[in-house]
């Protein structure tokens, strides 16, 4: 398991923490994140808590995003 923080952004520059979680090393693991529909979220960033600089971010469309 790896401790991570998940951030959201509307512009890819200014980030807001929305969830802290543990990510399994198993491929295809899921983390559920509730995004406020009133906020224009365009980017998500997943950042490792334990190692400096170990992060990536991407346009929301690059993640597996499902709504109901």
Protein backbone atom coordinates (compact mmCIF):
# COMPACT_ATOMS: atom_id res chain seq x y z
CA UNK A 1 0.00 0.00 0.00
CA UNK A 2 1.13 3.54 -0.76
CA UNK A 3 -0.16 6.68 0.95
CA UNK A 4 -1.31 9.27 -1.57
CA UNK A 5 -3.05 12.63 -1.74
CA UNK A 6 -5.50 13.44 -4.52
CA UNK A 7 -5.89 17.04 -5.67
CA UNK A 8 -8.27 18.76 -8.07
CA UNK A 9 -7.72 21.85 -10.21
CA UNK A 10 -9.56 23.96 -12.75
CA UNK A 11 -6.39 25.28 -14.41
CA UNK A 12 -3.59 22.77 -13.72
CA UNK A 13 -1.70 25.34 -11.63
CA UNK A 14 -3.60 25.91 -8.38
CA UNK A 15 -4.50 22.65 -6.55
CA UNK A 16 -7.00 21.75 -3.80
CA UNK A 17 -6.66 18.59 -1.69
CA UNK A 18 -9.84 16.51 -1.98
CA UNK A 19 -8.82 13.15 -0.54
CA UNK A 20 -6.05 11.24 1.23
CA UNK A 21 -6.02 7.50 0.64
CA UNK A 22 -3.94 4.36 0.32
CA UNK A 23 -3.28 3.02 -3.15
CA UNK A 24 -2.84 -0.72 -3.63
CA UNK A 25 0.00 -1.98 -5.80
CA UNK A 26 -2.50 -4.28 -7.51
CA UNK A 27 -3.21 -3.19 -11.08
CA UNK A 28 -6.76 -1.96 -11.58
CA UNK A 29 -7.26 -0.76 -7.99
CA UNK A 30 -10.05 1.74 -7.42
CA UNK A 31 -10.25 4.86 -5.28
CA UNK A 32 -13.65 6.54 -5.16
CA UNK A 33 -13.55 10.33 -5.20
CA UNK A 34 -16.65 12.48 -4.93
CA UNK A 35 -16.33 15.63 -7.02
CA UNK A 36 -18.67 18.55 -6.37
CA UNK A 37 -20.69 18.96 -9.56
CA UNK A 38 -20.79 22.72 -9.06
CA UNK A 39 -17.00 23.00 -9.38
CA UNK A 40 -15.44 22.96 -12.83
CA UNK A 41 -12.85 20.21 -12.28
CA UNK A 42 -10.55 19.72 -15.25
CA UNK A 43 -7.44 18.16 -13.71
CA UNK A 44 -6.62 15.60 -11.04
CA UNK A 45 -3.21 15.13 -9.45
CA UNK A 46 -2.15 12.06 -7.47
CA UNK A 47 0.85 12.69 -5.25
CA UNK A 48 2.82 10.25 -3.10
CA UNK A 49 2.93 11.27 0.56
CA UNK A 50 6.17 9.40 1.30
CA UNK A 51 8.48 10.48 -1.51
CA UNK A 52 9.26 13.99 -2.74
CA UNK A 53 8.45 14.73 -6.34
CA UNK A 54 6.77 11.39 -7.03
CA UNK A 55 3.57 12.66 -8.62
CA UNK A 56 1.66 12.92 -11.83
CA UNK A 57 -1.32 14.88 -12.99
CA UNK A 58 -3.51 14.62 -15.99
CA UNK A 59 -6.60 15.96 -17.64
CA UNK A 60 -9.68 14.46 -16.02
CA UNK A 61 -10.56 12.63 -19.25
CA UNK A 62 -7.41 10.51 -18.86
CA UNK A 63 -8.73 8.96 -15.64
CA UNK A 64 -11.46 6.33 -15.40
CA UNK A 65 -14.27 8.68 -14.45
CA UNK A 66 -17.81 7.44 -13.94
CA UNK A 67 -20.88 9.24 -12.66
CA UNK A 68 -24.32 8.03 -11.67
